[in-house]
PDB file of N, CA and C in Angstrom:
ATOM      1  N   MET A   1       0.818  -1.193   0.000  1.00  0.00           N
ATOM      2  CA  MET A   1       0.000   0.000   0.000  1.00  0.00           C
ATOM      3  C   MET A   1       0.862   1.258   0.000  1.00  0.00           C
ATOM      4  N   LEU A   2       1.949   1.229   0.787  1.00  0.00           N
ATOM      5  CA  LEU A   2       2.847   2.370   0.865  1.00  0.00           C
ATOM      6  C   LEU A   2       3.495   2.627  -0.495  1.00  0.00           C
ATOM      7  N   LYS A   3       3.834   1.554  -1.200  1.00  0.00           N
ATOM      8  CA  LYS A   3       4.449   1.707  -2.519  1.00  0.00           C
ATOM      9  C   LYS A   3       3.486   2.382  -3.491  1.00  0.00           C
ATOM     10  N   ARG A   4       2.218   2.007  -3.433  1.00  0.00           N
ATOM     11  CA  ARG A   4       1.219   2.619  -4.323  1.00  0.00           C
ATOM     12  C   ARG A   4       1.048   4.097  -4.001  1.00  0.00           C
ATOM     13  N   THR A   5       1.051   4.442  -2.741  1.00  0.00           N
ATOM     14  CA  THR A   5       0.896   5.835  -2.340  1.00  0.00           C
ATOM     15  C   THR A   5       2.090   6.654  -2.826  1.00  0.00           C
ATOM     16  N   LEU A   6       3.311   6.126  -2.650  1.00  0.00           N
ATOM     17  CA  LEU A   6       4.505   6.831  -3.109  1.00  0.00           C
ATOM     18  C   LEU A   6       4.515   6.953  -4.627  1.00  0.00           C
ATOM     19  N   LEU A   7       4.104   5.897  -5.305  1.00  0.00           N
ATOM     20  CA  LEU A   7       4.053   5.930  -6.759  1.00  0.00           C
ATOM     21  C   LEU A   7       3.044   6.981  -7.232  1.00  0.00           C
ATOM     22  N   ALA A   8       1.873   7.010  -6.620  1.00  0.00           N
ATOM     23  CA  ALA A   8       0.844   7.984  -6.988  1.00  0.00           C
ATOM     24  C   ALA A   8       1.330   9.409  -6.722  1.00  0.00           C
ATOM     25  N   ALA A   9       2.026   9.607  -5.588  1.00  0.00           N
ATOM     26  CA  ALA A   9       2.541  10.937  -5.256  1.00  0.00           C
ATOM     27  C   ALA A   9       3.607  11.371  -6.257  1.00  0.00           C
ATOM     28  N   SER A  10       4.492  10.469  -6.651  1.00  0.00           N
ATOM     29  CA  SER A  10       5.541  10.834  -7.607  1.00  0.00           C
ATOM     30  C   SER A  10       4.950  11.120  -8.981  1.00  0.00           C
ATOM     31  N   ILE A  11       3.918  10.369  -9.383  1.00  0.00           N
ATOM     32  CA  ILE A  11       3.261  10.640 -10.665  1.00  0.00           C
ATOM     33  C   ILE A  11       2.578  12.000 -10.625  1.00  0.00           C
ATOM     34  N   ALA A  12       1.907  12.299  -9.519  1.00  0.00           N
ATOM     35  CA  ALA A  12       1.230  13.588  -9.379  1.00  0.00           C
ATOM     36  C   ALA A  12       2.227  14.743  -9.444  1.00  0.00           C
ATOM     37  N   MET A  13       3.379  14.585  -8.793  1.00  0.00           N
ATOM     38  CA  MET A  13       4.404  15.642  -8.812  1.00  0.00           C
ATOM     39  C   MET A  13       4.966  15.811 -10.220  1.00  0.00           C
ATOM     40  N   THR A  14       5.177  14.706 -10.916  1.00  0.00           N
ATOM     41  CA  THR A  14       5.697  14.772 -12.283  1.00  0.00           C
ATOM     42  C   THR A  14       4.718  15.492 -13.191  1.00  0.00           C
ATOM     43  N   LEU A  15       3.434  15.153 -13.072  1.00  0.00           N
ATOM     44  CA  LEU A  15       2.419  15.816 -13.893  1.00  0.00           C
ATOM     45  C   LEU A  15       2.318  17.297 -13.557  1.00  0.00           C
ATOM     46  N   ALA A  16       2.366  17.629 -12.288  1.00  0.00           N
ATOM     47  CA  ALA A  16       2.289  19.040 -11.882  1.00  0.00           C
ATOM     48  C   ALA A  16       3.479  19.809 -12.436  1.00  0.00           C
ATOM     49  N   ALA A  17       4.665  19.230 -12.365  1.00  0.00           N
ATOM     50  CA  ALA A  17       5.857  19.889 -12.894  1.00  0.00           C
ATOM     51  C   ALA A  17       5.742  20.054 -14.403  1.00  0.00           C
ATOM     52  N   GLY A  18       5.179  19.051 -15.077  1.00  0.00           N
ATOM     53  CA  GLY A  18       5.005  19.126 -16.519  1.00  0.00           C
ATOM     54  C   GLY A  18       4.069  20.234 -16.937  1.00  0.00           C
ATOM     55  N   PHE A  19       3.061  20.540 -16.131  1.00  0.00           N
ATOM     56  CA  PHE A  19       2.128  21.601 -16.477  1.00  0.00           C
ATOM     57  C   PHE A  19       2.680  22.984 -16.170  1.00  0.00           C
ATOM     58  N   THR A  20       3.658  23.113 -15.298  1.00  0.00           N
ATOM     59  CA  THR A  20       4.183  24.440 -14.979  1.00  0.00           C
ATOM     60  C   THR A  20       5.267  24.871 -15.955  1.00  0.00           C
ATOM     61  N   VAL A  21       5.923  23.965 -16.635  1.00  0.00           N
ATOM     62  CA  VAL A  21       7.001  24.344 -17.545  1.00  0.00           C
ATOM     63  C   VAL A  21       6.514  25.226 -18.687  1.00  0.00           C
ATOM     64  N   PRO A  22       5.445  24.860 -19.410  1.00  0.00           N
ATOM     65  CA  PRO A  22       5.016  25.732 -20.498  1.00  0.00           C
ATOM     66  C   PRO A  22       4.637  27.129 -20.018  1.00  0.00           C
ATOM     67  N   ALA A  23       4.041  27.251 -18.863  1.00  0.00           N
ATOM     68  CA  ALA A  23       3.652  28.572 -18.362  1.00  0.00           C
ATOM     69  C   ALA A  23       4.889  29.440 -18.147  1.00  0.00           C
ATOM     70  N   SER A  24       5.957  28.885 -17.591  1.00  0.00           N
ATOM     71  CA  SER A  24       7.159  29.675 -17.351  1.00  0.00           C
ATOM     72  C   SER A  24       7.887  29.970 -18.656  1.00  0.00           C
ATOM     73  N   ALA A  25       7.724  29.115 -19.662  1.00  0.00           N
ATOM     74  CA  ALA A  25       8.383  29.346 -20.941  1.00  0.00           C
ATOM     75  C   ALA A  25       7.769  30.534 -21.671  1.00  0.00           C
ATOM     76  N   GLN A  26       6.554  30.906 -21.330  1.00  0.00           N
ATOM     77  CA  GLN A  26       5.892  32.006 -22.008  1.00  0.00           C
ATOM     78  C   GLN A  26       6.219  33.359 -21.391  1.00  0.00           C
ATOM     79  N   VAL A  27       6.889  33.382 -20.276  1.00  0.00           N
ATOM     80  CA  VAL A  27       7.223  34.642 -19.617  1.00  0.00           C
ATOM     81  C   VAL A  27       8.235  35.397 -20.456  1.00  0.00           C
ATOM     82  N   SER A  28       8.040  36.687 -20.615  1.00  0.00           N
ATOM     83  CA  SER A  28       8.931  37.526 -21.403  1.00  0.00           C
ATOM     84  C   SER A  28      10.310  37.596 -20.760  1.00  0.00           C
ATOM     85  N   GLY A  29      11.349  37.666 -21.579  1.00  0.00           N
ATOM     86  CA  GLY A  29      12.712  37.749 -21.089  1.00  0.00           C
ATOM     87  C   GLY A  29      13.169  39.174 -20.858  1.00  0.00           C
ATOM     88  N   ALA A  30      12.270  40.144 -20.956  1.00  0.00           N
ATOM     89  CA  ALA A  30      12.647  41.543 -20.793  1.00  0.00           C
ATOM     90  C   ALA A  30      13.040  41.834 -19.352  1.00  0.00           C
ATOM     91  N   ILE A  31      14.087  42.631 -19.204  1.00  0.00           N
ATOM     92  CA  ILE A  31      14.536  43.053 -17.881  1.00  0.00           C
ATOM     93  C   ILE A  31      14.245  44.539 -17.773  1.00  0.00           C
ATOM     94  N   ASN A  32      13.499  44.937 -16.742  1.00  0.00           N
ATOM     95  CA  ASN A  32      13.117  46.327 -16.546  1.00  0.00           C
ATOM     96  C   ASN A  32      13.302  46.642 -15.069  1.00  0.00           C
ATOM     97  N   ILE A  33      14.313  47.450 -14.753  1.00  0.00           N
ATOM     98  CA  ILE A  33      14.674  47.717 -13.360  1.00  0.00           C
ATOM     99  C   ILE A  33      14.890  49.215 -13.140  1.00  0.00           C
ATOM    100  N   ARG A  34      15.055  49.611 -11.882  1.00  0.00           N
ATOM    101  CA  ARG A  34      15.316  51.014 -11.549  1.00  0.00           C
ATOM    102  C   ARG A  34      16.807  51.299 -11.328  1.00  0.00           C
ATOM    103  N   VAL A  35      17.641  50.277 -11.319  1.00  0.00           N
ATOM    104  CA  VAL A  35      19.069  50.432 -11.034  1.00  0.00           C
ATOM    105  C   VAL A  35      19.854  50.562 -12.345  1.00  0.00           C
ATOM    106  N   ALA A  36      20.513  51.704 -12.527  1.00  0.00           N
ATOM    107  CA  ALA A  36      21.304  51.917 -13.746  1.00  0.00           C
ATOM    108  C   ALA A  36      22.505  50.978 -13.764  1.00  0.00           C
ATOM    109  N   PRO A  37      22.883  50.503 -14.942  1.00  0.00           N
ATOM    110  CA  PRO A  37      24.065  49.647 -15.026  1.00  0.00           C
ATOM    111  C   PRO A  37      25.333  50.473 -14.812  1.00  0.00           C
ATOM    112  N   PRO A  38      26.395  49.856 -14.299  1.00  0.00           N
ATOM    113  CA  PRO A  38      27.679  50.564 -14.177  1.00  0.00           C
ATOM    114  C   PRO A  38      28.212  50.907 -15.574  1.00  0.00           C
ATOM    115  N   PRO A  39      29.212  51.785 -15.638  1.00  0.00           N
ATOM    116  CA  PRO A  39      29.822  52.084 -16.943  1.00  0.00           C
ATOM    117  C   PRO A  39      30.415  50.813 -17.553  1.00  0.00           C
ATOM    118  N   LEU A  40      30.416  50.749 -18.881  1.00  0.00           N
ATOM    119  CA  LEU A  40      31.006  49.592 -19.551  1.00  0.00           C
ATOM    120  C   LEU A  40      32.482  49.494 -19.206  1.00  0.00           C
ATOM    121  N   ARG A  41      32.961  48.293 -19.085  1.00  0.00           N
ATOM    122  CA  ARG A  41      34.383  48.078 -18.837  1.00  0.00           C
ATOM    123  C   ARG A  41      35.136  48.143 -20.165  1.00  0.00           C
ATOM    124  N   GLU A  42      36.347  48.625 -20.098  1.00  0.00           N
ATOM    125  CA  GLU A  42      37.169  48.620 -21.306  1.00  0.00           C
ATOM    126  C   GLU A  42      37.709  47.219 -21.510  1.00  0.00           C
ATOM    127  N   GLU A  43      37.568  46.737 -22.712  1.00  0.00           N
ATOM    128  CA  GLU A  43      38.062  45.406 -23.045  1.00  0.00           C
ATOM    129  C   GLU A  43      39.100  45.517 -24.151  1.00  0.00           C
ATOM    130  N   VAL A  44      40.097  44.684 -24.080  1.00  0.00           N
ATOM    131  CA  VAL A  44      41.064  44.597 -25.164  1.00  0.00           C
ATOM    132  C   VAL A  44      40.480  43.613 -26.171  1.00  0.00           C
ATOM    133  N   VAL A  45      40.170  44.136 -27.345  1.00  0.00           N
ATOM    134  CA  VAL A  45      39.574  43.284 -28.373  1.00  0.00           C
ATOM    135  C   VAL A  45      40.696  42.540 -29.078  1.00  0.00           C
ATOM    136  N   PRO A  46      40.622  41.216 -29.094  1.00  0.00           N
ATOM    137  CA  PRO A  46      41.666  40.436 -29.771  1.00  0.00           C
ATOM    138  C   PRO A  46      41.678  40.719 -31.275  1.00  0.00           C
ATOM    139  N   PRO A  47      42.763  40.366 -31.952  1.00  0.00           N
ATOM    140  CA  PRO A  47      42.812  40.557 -33.412  1.00  0.00           C
ATOM    141  C   PRO A  47      41.661  39.810 -34.093  1.00  0.00           C
ATOM    142  N   PRO A  48      41.221  40.323 -35.254  1.00  0.00           N
ATOM    143  CA  PRO A  48      40.105  39.687 -35.967  1.00  0.00           C
ATOM    144  C   PRO A  48      40.367  38.215 -36.279  1.00  0.00           C
ATOM    145  N   ARG A  49      39.290  37.451 -36.287  1.00  0.00           N
ATOM    146  CA  ARG A  49      39.345  36.029 -36.643  1.00  0.00           C
ATOM    147  C   ARG A  49      38.426  35.800 -37.834  1.00  0.00           C
ATOM    148  N   ARG A  50      38.941  35.164 -38.851  1.00  0.00           N
ATOM    149  CA  ARG A  50      38.147  34.893 -40.043  1.00  0.00           C
ATOM    150  C   ARG A  50      36.934  34.036 -39.681  1.00  0.00           C
ATOM    151  N   GLY A  51      35.754  34.500 -40.121  1.00  0.00           N
ATOM    152  CA  GLY A  51      34.529  33.743 -39.891  1.00  0.00           C
ATOM    153  C   GLY A  51      33.890  33.983 -38.533  1.00  0.00           C
ATOM    154  N   TYR A  52      34.421  34.951 -37.753  1.00  0.00           N
ATOM    155  CA  TYR A  52      33.873  35.232 -36.427  1.00  0.00           C
ATOM    156  C   TYR A  52      33.624  36.719 -36.251  1.00  0.00           C
ATOM    157  N   VAL A  53      32.712  37.048 -35.337  1.00  0.00           N
ATOM    158  CA  VAL A  53      32.379  38.423 -34.998  1.00  0.00           C
ATOM    159  C   VAL A  53      32.618  38.595 -33.498  1.00  0.00           C
ATOM    160  N   TRP A  54      33.219  39.710 -33.112  1.00  0.00           N
ATOM    161  CA  TRP A  54      33.444  39.989 -31.697  1.00  0.00           C
ATOM    162  C   TRP A  54      32.169  40.543 -31.071  1.00  0.00           C
ATOM    163  N   ALA A  55      31.673  39.885 -30.042  1.00  0.00           N
ATOM    164  CA  ALA A  55      30.520  40.360 -29.277  1.00  0.00           C
ATOM    165  C   ALA A  55      31.066  41.010 -28.015  1.00  0.00           C
ATOM    166  N   PRO A  56      30.955  42.332 -27.871  1.00  0.00           N
ATOM    167  CA  PRO A  56      31.546  43.008 -26.714  1.00  0.00           C
ATOM    168  C   PRO A  56      30.867  42.626 -25.402  1.00  0.00           C
ATOM    169  N   GLY A  57      31.581  42.842 -24.313  1.00  0.00           N
ATOM    170  CA  GLY A  57      31.037  42.547 -22.989  1.00  0.00           C
ATOM    171  C   GLY A  57      29.893  43.472 -22.633  1.00  0.00           C
ATOM    172  N   TYR A  58      29.113  43.073 -21.631  1.00  0.00           N
ATOM    173  CA  TYR A  58      27.951  43.845 -21.215  1.00  0.00           C
ATOM    174  C   TYR A  58      27.609  43.535 -19.764  1.00  0.00           C
ATOM    175  N   TRP A  59      26.836  44.424 -19.148  1.00  0.00           N
ATOM    176  CA  TRP A  59      26.339  44.201 -17.792  1.00  0.00           C
ATOM    177  C   TRP A  59      24.991  43.503 -17.883  1.00  0.00           C
ATOM    178  N   ASN A  60      24.844  42.396 -17.207  1.00  0.00           N
ATOM    179  CA  ASN A  60      23.581  41.658 -17.151  1.00  0.00           C
ATOM    180  C   ASN A  60      23.007  41.785 -15.739  1.00  0.00           C
ATOM    181  N   TRP A  61      21.698  41.831 -15.607  1.00  0.00           N
ATOM    182  CA  TRP A  61      21.048  41.886 -14.309  1.00  0.00           C
ATOM    183  C   TRP A  61      20.792  40.463 -13.854  1.00  0.00           C
ATOM    184  N   GLU A  62      21.393  40.086 -12.738  1.00  0.00           N
ATOM    185  CA  GLU A  62      21.233  38.728 -12.219  1.00  0.00           C
ATOM    186  C   GLU A  62      20.730  38.798 -10.782  1.00  0.00           C
ATOM    187  N   GLY A  63      19.420  38.721 -10.639  1.00  0.00           N
ATOM    188  CA  GLY A  63      18.813  38.736  -9.308  1.00  0.00           C
ATOM    189  C   GLY A  63      18.704  40.114  -8.724  1.00  0.00           C
ATOM    190  N   ARG A  64      19.736  40.523  -7.992  1.00  0.00           N
ATOM    191  CA  ARG A  64      19.691  41.827  -7.323  1.00  0.00           C
ATOM    192  C   ARG A  64      20.873  42.726  -7.655  1.00  0.00           C
ATOM    193  N   ARG A  65      21.640  42.341  -8.679  1.00  0.00           N
ATOM    194  CA  ARG A  65      22.812  43.158  -9.002  1.00  0.00           C
ATOM    195  C   ARG A  65      23.228  42.957 -10.454  1.00  0.00           C
ATOM    196  N   HIS A  66      24.027  43.888 -10.936  1.00  0.00           N
ATOM    197  CA  HIS A  66      24.595  43.783 -12.280  1.00  0.00           C
ATOM    198  C   HIS A  66      25.838  42.902 -12.219  1.00  0.00           C
ATOM    199  N   VAL A  67      25.993  42.039 -13.203  1.00  0.00           N
ATOM    200  CA  VAL A  67      27.155  41.145 -13.295  1.00  0.00           C
ATOM    201  C   VAL A  67      27.753  41.310 -14.692  1.00  0.00           C
ATOM    202  N   TRP A  68      29.074  41.511 -14.744  1.00  0.00           N
ATOM    203  CA  TRP A  68      29.756  41.715 -16.024  1.00  0.00           C
ATOM    204  C   TRP A  68      29.947  40.389 -16.747  1.00  0.00           C
ATOM    205  N   HIS A  69      29.619  40.388 -18.037  1.00  0.00           N
ATOM    206  CA  HIS A  69      29.869  39.246 -18.919  1.00  0.00           C
ATOM    207  C   HIS A  69      30.847  39.730 -19.976  1.00  0.00           C
ATOM    208  N   GLY A  70      32.043  39.191 -19.961  1.00  0.00           N
ATOM    209  CA  GLY A  70      33.089  39.614 -20.885  1.00  0.00           C
ATOM    210  C   GLY A  70      32.760  39.281 -22.329  1.00  0.00           C
ATOM    211  N   GLY A  71      33.390  40.019 -23.243  1.00  0.00           N
ATOM    212  CA  GLY A  71      33.185  39.797 -24.670  1.00  0.00           C
ATOM    213  C   GLY A  71      33.680  38.433 -25.113  1.00  0.00           C
ATOM    214  N   SER A  72      33.208  38.012 -26.260  1.00  0.00           N
ATOM    215  CA  SER A  72      33.600  36.707 -26.798  1.00  0.00           C
ATOM    216  C   SER A  72      33.405  36.679 -28.304  1.00  0.00           C
ATOM    217  N   TRP A  73      34.027  35.711 -28.936  1.00  0.00           N
ATOM    218  CA  TRP A  73      33.873  35.528 -30.373  1.00  0.00           C
ATOM    219  C   TRP A  73      32.616  34.720 -30.649  1.00  0.00           C
ATOM    220  N   MET A  74      31.886  35.116 -31.689  1.00  0.00           N
ATOM    221  CA  MET A  74      30.704  34.381 -32.132  1.00  0.00           C
ATOM    222  C   MET A  74      30.894  34.066 -33.605  1.00  0.00           C
ATOM    223  N   ARG A  75      30.458  32.877 -33.996  1.00  0.00           N
ATOM    224  CA  ARG A  75      30.570  32.509 -35.406  1.00  0.00           C
ATOM    225  C   ARG A  75      29.719  33.475 -36.243  1.00  0.00           C
ATOM    226  N   ALA A  76      30.310  34.021 -37.300  1.00  0.00           N
ATOM    227  CA  ALA A  76      29.612  34.970 -38.172  1.00  0.00           C
ATOM    228  C   ALA A  76      28.467  34.275 -38.899  1.00  0.00           C
ATOM    229  N   ARG A  77      27.439  35.053 -39.172  1.00  0.00           N
ATOM    230  CA  ARG A  77      26.287  34.558 -39.926  1.00  0.00           C
ATOM    231  C   ARG A  77      26.171  35.398 -41.191  1.00  0.00           C
ATOM    232  N   PRO A  78      26.574  34.854 -42.340  1.00  0.00           N
ATOM    233  CA  PRO A  78      26.514  35.630 -43.592  1.00  0.00           C
ATOM    234  C   PRO A  78      25.117  36.192 -43.830  1.00  0.00           C
ATOM    235  N   GLY A  79      25.063  37.473 -44.195  1.00  0.00           N
ATOM    236  CA  GLY A  79      23.787  38.132 -44.448  1.00  0.00           C
ATOM    237  C   GLY A  79      23.128  38.713 -43.207  1.00  0.00           C
ATOM    238  N   TYR A  80      23.769  38.566 -42.032  1.00  0.00           N
ATOM    239  CA  TYR A  80      23.214  39.066 -40.781  1.00  0.00           C
ATOM    240  C   TYR A  80      24.187  40.029 -40.115  1.00  0.00           C
ATOM    241  N   VAL A  81      23.645  40.905 -39.293  1.00  0.00           N
ATOM    242  CA  VAL A  81      24.440  41.869 -38.522  1.00  0.00           C
ATOM    243  C   VAL A  81      24.119  41.635 -37.055  1.00  0.00           C
ATOM    244  N   TYR A  82      25.157  41.629 -36.203  1.00  0.00           N
ATOM    245  CA  TYR A  82      24.952  41.408 -34.770  1.00  0.00           C
ATOM    246  C   TYR A  82      24.853  42.744 -34.041  1.00  0.00           C
ATOM    247  N   SER A  83      23.831  42.880 -33.207  1.00  0.00           N
ATOM    248  CA  SER A  83      23.678  44.051 -32.342  1.00  0.00           C
ATOM    249  C   SER A  83      23.969  43.606 -30.915  1.00  0.00           C
ATOM    250  N   ALA A  84      24.900  44.268 -30.256  1.00  0.00           N
ATOM    251  CA  ALA A  84      25.292  43.912 -28.891  1.00  0.00           C
ATOM    252  C   ALA A  84      24.192  44.281 -27.891  1.00  0.00           C
ATOM    253  N   PRO A  85      24.158  43.619 -26.730  1.00  0.00           N
ATOM    254  CA  PRO A  85      23.184  43.983 -25.693  1.00  0.00           C
ATOM    255  C   PRO A  85      23.399  45.433 -25.237  1.00  0.00           C
ATOM    256  N   THR A  86      22.308  46.134 -24.980  1.00  0.00           N
ATOM    257  CA  THR A  86      22.394  47.518 -24.520  1.00  0.00           C
ATOM    258  C   THR A  86      21.333  47.779 -23.453  1.00  0.00           C
ATOM    259  N   TRP A  87      21.590  48.771 -22.622  1.00  0.00           N
ATOM    260  CA  TRP A  87      20.620  49.233 -21.623  1.00  0.00           C
ATOM    261  C   TRP A  87      20.065  50.554 -22.097  1.00  0.00           C
ATOM    262  N   VAL A  88      18.740  50.710 -22.025  1.00  0.00           N
ATOM    263  CA  VAL A  88      18.077  51.943 -22.436  1.00  0.00           C
ATOM    264  C   VAL A  88      17.241  52.438 -21.263  1.00  0.00           C
ATOM    265  N   GLU A  89      17.346  53.762 -20.969  1.00  0.00           N
ATOM    266  CA  GLU A  89      16.607  54.349 -19.844  1.00  0.00           C
ATOM    267  C   GLU A  89      15.328  55.020 -20.341  1.00  0.00           C
ATOM    268  N   HIS A  90      14.201  54.711 -19.688  1.00  0.00           N
ATOM    269  CA  HIS A  90      12.899  55.315 -19.986  1.00  0.00           C
ATOM    270  C   HIS A  90      12.244  55.708 -18.672  1.00  0.00           C
ATOM    271  N   ASN A  91      12.091  56.995 -18.420  1.00  0.00           N
ATOM    272  CA  ASN A  91      11.393  57.492 -17.228  1.00  0.00           C
ATOM    273  C   ASN A  91      11.910  56.884 -15.919  1.00  0.00           C
ATOM    274  N   GLY A  92      13.207  56.855 -15.759  1.00  0.00           N
ATOM    275  CA  GLY A  92      13.792  56.362 -14.514  1.00  0.00           C
ATOM    276  C   GLY A  92      13.903  54.848 -14.407  1.00  0.00           C
ATOM    277  N   ARG A  93      13.499  54.130 -15.423  1.00  0.00           N
ATOM    278  CA  ARG A  93      13.610  52.669 -15.427  1.00  0.00           C
ATOM    279  C   ARG A  93      14.568  52.266 -16.535  1.00  0.00           C
ATOM    280  N   TRP A  94      15.305  51.199 -16.300  1.00  0.00           N
ATOM    281  CA  TRP A  94      16.291  50.707 -17.247  1.00  0.00           C
ATOM    282  C   TRP A  94      15.818  49.393 -17.847  1.00  0.00           C
ATOM    283  N   GLU A  95      15.857  49.328 -19.164  1.00  0.00           N
ATOM    284  CA  GLU A  95      15.450  48.114 -19.880  1.00  0.00           C
ATOM    285  C   GLU A  95      16.645  47.568 -20.642  1.00  0.00           C
ATOM    286  N   MET A  96      16.868  46.273 -20.503  1.00  0.00           N
ATOM    287  CA  MET A  96      17.961  45.646 -21.239  1.00  0.00           C
ATOM    288  C   MET A  96      17.434  45.097 -22.555  1.00  0.00           C
ATOM    289  N   ARG A  97      18.123  45.461 -23.621  1.00  0.00           N
ATOM    290  CA  ARG A  97      17.823  44.900 -24.937  1.00  0.00           C
ATOM    291  C   ARG A  97      18.906  43.893 -25.246  1.00  0.00           C
ATOM    292  N   ARG A  98      18.500  42.647 -25.315  1.00  0.00           N
ATOM    293  CA  ARG A  98      19.441  41.547 -25.545  1.00  0.00           C
ATOM    294  C   ARG A  98      20.122  41.665 -26.904  1.00  0.00           C
ATOM    295  N   GLY A  99      21.311  41.104 -27.002  1.00  0.00           N
ATOM    296  CA  GLY A  99      22.008  41.048 -28.273  1.00  0.00           C
ATOM    297  C   GLY A  99      21.229  40.168 -29.235  1.00  0.00           C
ATOM    298  N   ALA A 100      21.295  40.505 -30.526  1.00  0.00           N
ATOM    299  CA  ALA A 100      20.523  39.739 -31.501  1.00  0.00           C
ATOM    300  C   ALA A 100      21.137  39.858 -32.888  1.00  0.00           C
ATOM    301  N   TRP A 101      20.847  38.874 -33.697  1.00  0.00           N
ATOM    302  CA  TRP A 101      21.233  38.896 -35.101  1.00  0.00           C
ATOM    303  C   TRP A 101      20.057  39.414 -35.908  1.00  0.00           C
ATOM    304  N   ALA A 102      20.324  40.267 -36.888  1.00  0.00           N
ATOM    305  CA  ALA A 102      19.271  40.785 -37.762  1.00  0.00           C
ATOM    306  C   ALA A 102      19.744  40.702 -39.212  1.00  0.00           C
ATOM    307  N   ARG A 103      18.807  40.421 -40.083  1.00  0.00           N
ATOM    308  CA  ARG A 103      19.154  40.394 -41.501  1.00  0.00           C
ATOM    309  C   ARG A 103      19.585  41.788 -41.933  1.00  0.00           C
ATOM    310  N   GLY A 104      20.529  41.847 -42.841  1.00  0.00           N
ATOM    311  CA  GLY A 104      20.894  43.161 -43.347  1.00  0.00           C
ATOM    312  C   GLY A 104      22.312  43.248 -43.848  1.00  0.00           C
ATOM    313  N   ASP A 105      22.660  44.428 -44.330  1.00  0.00           N
ATOM    314  CA  ASP A 105      23.974  44.788 -44.822  1.00  0.00           C
ATOM    315  C   ASP A 105      24.344  44.025 -46.089  1.00  0.00           C
ATOM    316  N   ARG A 106      23.493  44.156 -47.108  1.00  0.00           N
ATOM    317  CA  ARG A 106      23.737  43.457 -48.373  1.00  0.00           C
ATOM    318  C   ARG A 106      25.026  43.911 -49.052  1.00  0.00           C
ATOM    319  N   ASP A 107      25.408  45.196 -48.887  1.00  0.00           N
ATOM    320  CA  ASP A 107      26.612  45.681 -49.562  1.00  0.00           C
ATOM    321  C   ASP A 107      27.859  45.606 -48.684  1.00  0.00           C
ATOM    322  N   HIS A 108      27.724  45.028 -47.499  1.00  0.00           N
ATOM    323  CA  HIS A 108      28.862  44.784 -46.588  1.00  0.00           C
ATOM    324  C   HIS A 108      29.647  46.042 -46.240  1.00  0.00           C
ATOM    325  N   ASP A 109      28.919  47.161 -46.038  1.00  0.00           N
ATOM    326  CA  ASP A 109      29.598  48.393 -45.665  1.00  0.00           C
ATOM    327  C   ASP A 109      29.569  48.643 -44.165  1.00  0.00           C
ATOM    328  N   GLY A 110      28.983  47.720 -43.405  1.00  0.00           N
ATOM    329  CA  GLY A 110      28.917  47.862 -41.955  1.00  0.00           C
ATOM    330  C   GLY A 110      27.694  48.602 -41.466  1.00  0.00           C
ATOM    331  N   VAL A 111      26.831  49.076 -42.387  1.00  0.00           N
ATOM    332  CA  VAL A 111      25.607  49.783 -42.020  1.00  0.00           C
ATOM    333  C   VAL A 111      24.427  48.865 -42.331  1.00  0.00           C
ATOM    334  N   PRO A 112      23.595  48.508 -41.329  1.00  0.00           N
ATOM    335  CA  PRO A 112      22.446  47.645 -41.603  1.00  0.00           C
ATOM    336  C   PRO A 112      21.537  48.247 -42.668  1.00  0.00           C
ATOM    337  N   ASN A 113      20.954  47.405 -43.495  1.00  0.00           N
ATOM    338  CA  ASN A 113      20.108  47.873 -44.591  1.00  0.00           C
ATOM    339  C   ASN A 113      19.017  48.824 -44.126  1.00  0.00           C
ATOM    340  N   ALA A 114      18.415  48.568 -42.967  1.00  0.00           N
ATOM    341  CA  ALA A 114      17.327  49.417 -42.481  1.00  0.00           C
ATOM    342  C   ALA A 114      17.781  50.850 -42.225  1.00  0.00           C
ATOM    343  N   MET A 115      19.077  51.068 -41.977  1.00  0.00           N
ATOM    344  CA  MET A 115      19.586  52.412 -41.703  1.00  0.00           C
ATOM    345  C   MET A 115      20.446  52.957 -42.842  1.00  0.00           C
ATOM    346  N   ASP A 116      20.592  52.189 -43.910  1.00  0.00           N
ATOM    347  CA  ASP A 116      21.452  52.551 -45.027  1.00  0.00           C
ATOM    348  C   ASP A 116      20.626  53.223 -46.120  1.00  0.00           C
ATOM    349  N   ARG A 117      21.032  54.441 -46.531  1.00  0.00           N
ATOM    350  CA  ARG A 117      20.280  55.130 -47.582  1.00  0.00           C
ATOM    351  C   ARG A 117      20.437  54.440 -48.929  1.00  0.00           C
ATOM    352  N   ARG A 118      21.549  53.752 -49.125  1.00  0.00           N
ATOM    353  CA  ARG A 118      21.775  53.016 -50.361  1.00  0.00           C
ATOM    354  C   ARG A 118      22.261  51.603 -50.014  1.00  0.00           C
ATOM    355  N   PRO A 119      21.337  50.722 -49.590  1.00  0.00           N
ATOM    356  CA  PRO A 119      21.754  49.402 -49.095  1.00  0.00           C
ATOM    357  C   PRO A 119      22.285  48.442 -50.154  1.00  0.00           C
ATOM    358  N   ASN A 120      22.063  48.734 -51.429  1.00  0.00           N
ATOM    359  CA  ASN A 120      22.524  47.810 -52.473  1.00  0.00           C
ATOM    360  C   ASN A 120      23.645  48.391 -53.319  1.00  0.00           C
ATOM    361  N   ASP A 121      24.351  49.386 -52.797  1.00  0.00           N
ATOM    362  CA  ASP A 121      25.413  50.045 -53.537  1.00  0.00           C
ATOM    363  C   ASP A 121      26.670  49.163 -53.533  1.00  0.00           C
ATOM    364  N   PRO A 122      26.992  48.509 -54.667  1.00  0.00           N
ATOM    365  CA  PRO A 122      28.155  47.610 -54.693  1.00  0.00           C
ATOM    366  C   PRO A 122      29.484  48.343 -54.625  1.00  0.00           C
ATOM    367  N   THR A 123      29.493  49.668 -54.851  1.00  0.00           N
ATOM    368  CA  THR A 123      30.754  50.425 -54.811  1.00  0.00           C
ATOM    369  C   THR A 123      31.156  50.795 -53.383  1.00  0.00           C
ATOM    370  N   ARG A 124      30.280  50.611 -52.402  1.00  0.00           N
ATOM    371  CA  ARG A 124      30.571  50.987 -51.016  1.00  0.00           C
ATOM    372  C   ARG A 124      31.117  49.777 -50.284  1.00  0.00           C
ATOM    373  N   ARG A 125      32.363  49.514 -50.406  1.00  0.00           N
ATOM    374  CA  ARG A 125      32.993  48.385 -49.721  1.00  0.00           C
ATOM    375  C   ARG A 125      34.198  48.822 -48.974  1.00  0.00           C
TER     376      ARG A 125
END
């Protein structure tokens, strides 16, 4: 009888845990706090590496404080431009915008197509 009770309890806990995972997966990853991030740290950027993009370091909010995450190399994605994480202040609150890859820069001039007045100019290299 004790084995059946323990088995039933473990099944109930497993099912309960299974139902809470999707709910937590839907929570937005946006960070919005009142504490301004410290100034960016100066990093020595290593020499360029073929096929990689340097992602600069940034301050991340972890629980109750900012924690520095140093820069690192990321494999380049042809046809995409990487935007580093940034903090933006709105009415006394700070919002972190995560780093992301975006399509763009068809002419490889370093300016994303959305901000480039002539995004298909082959002479701008």
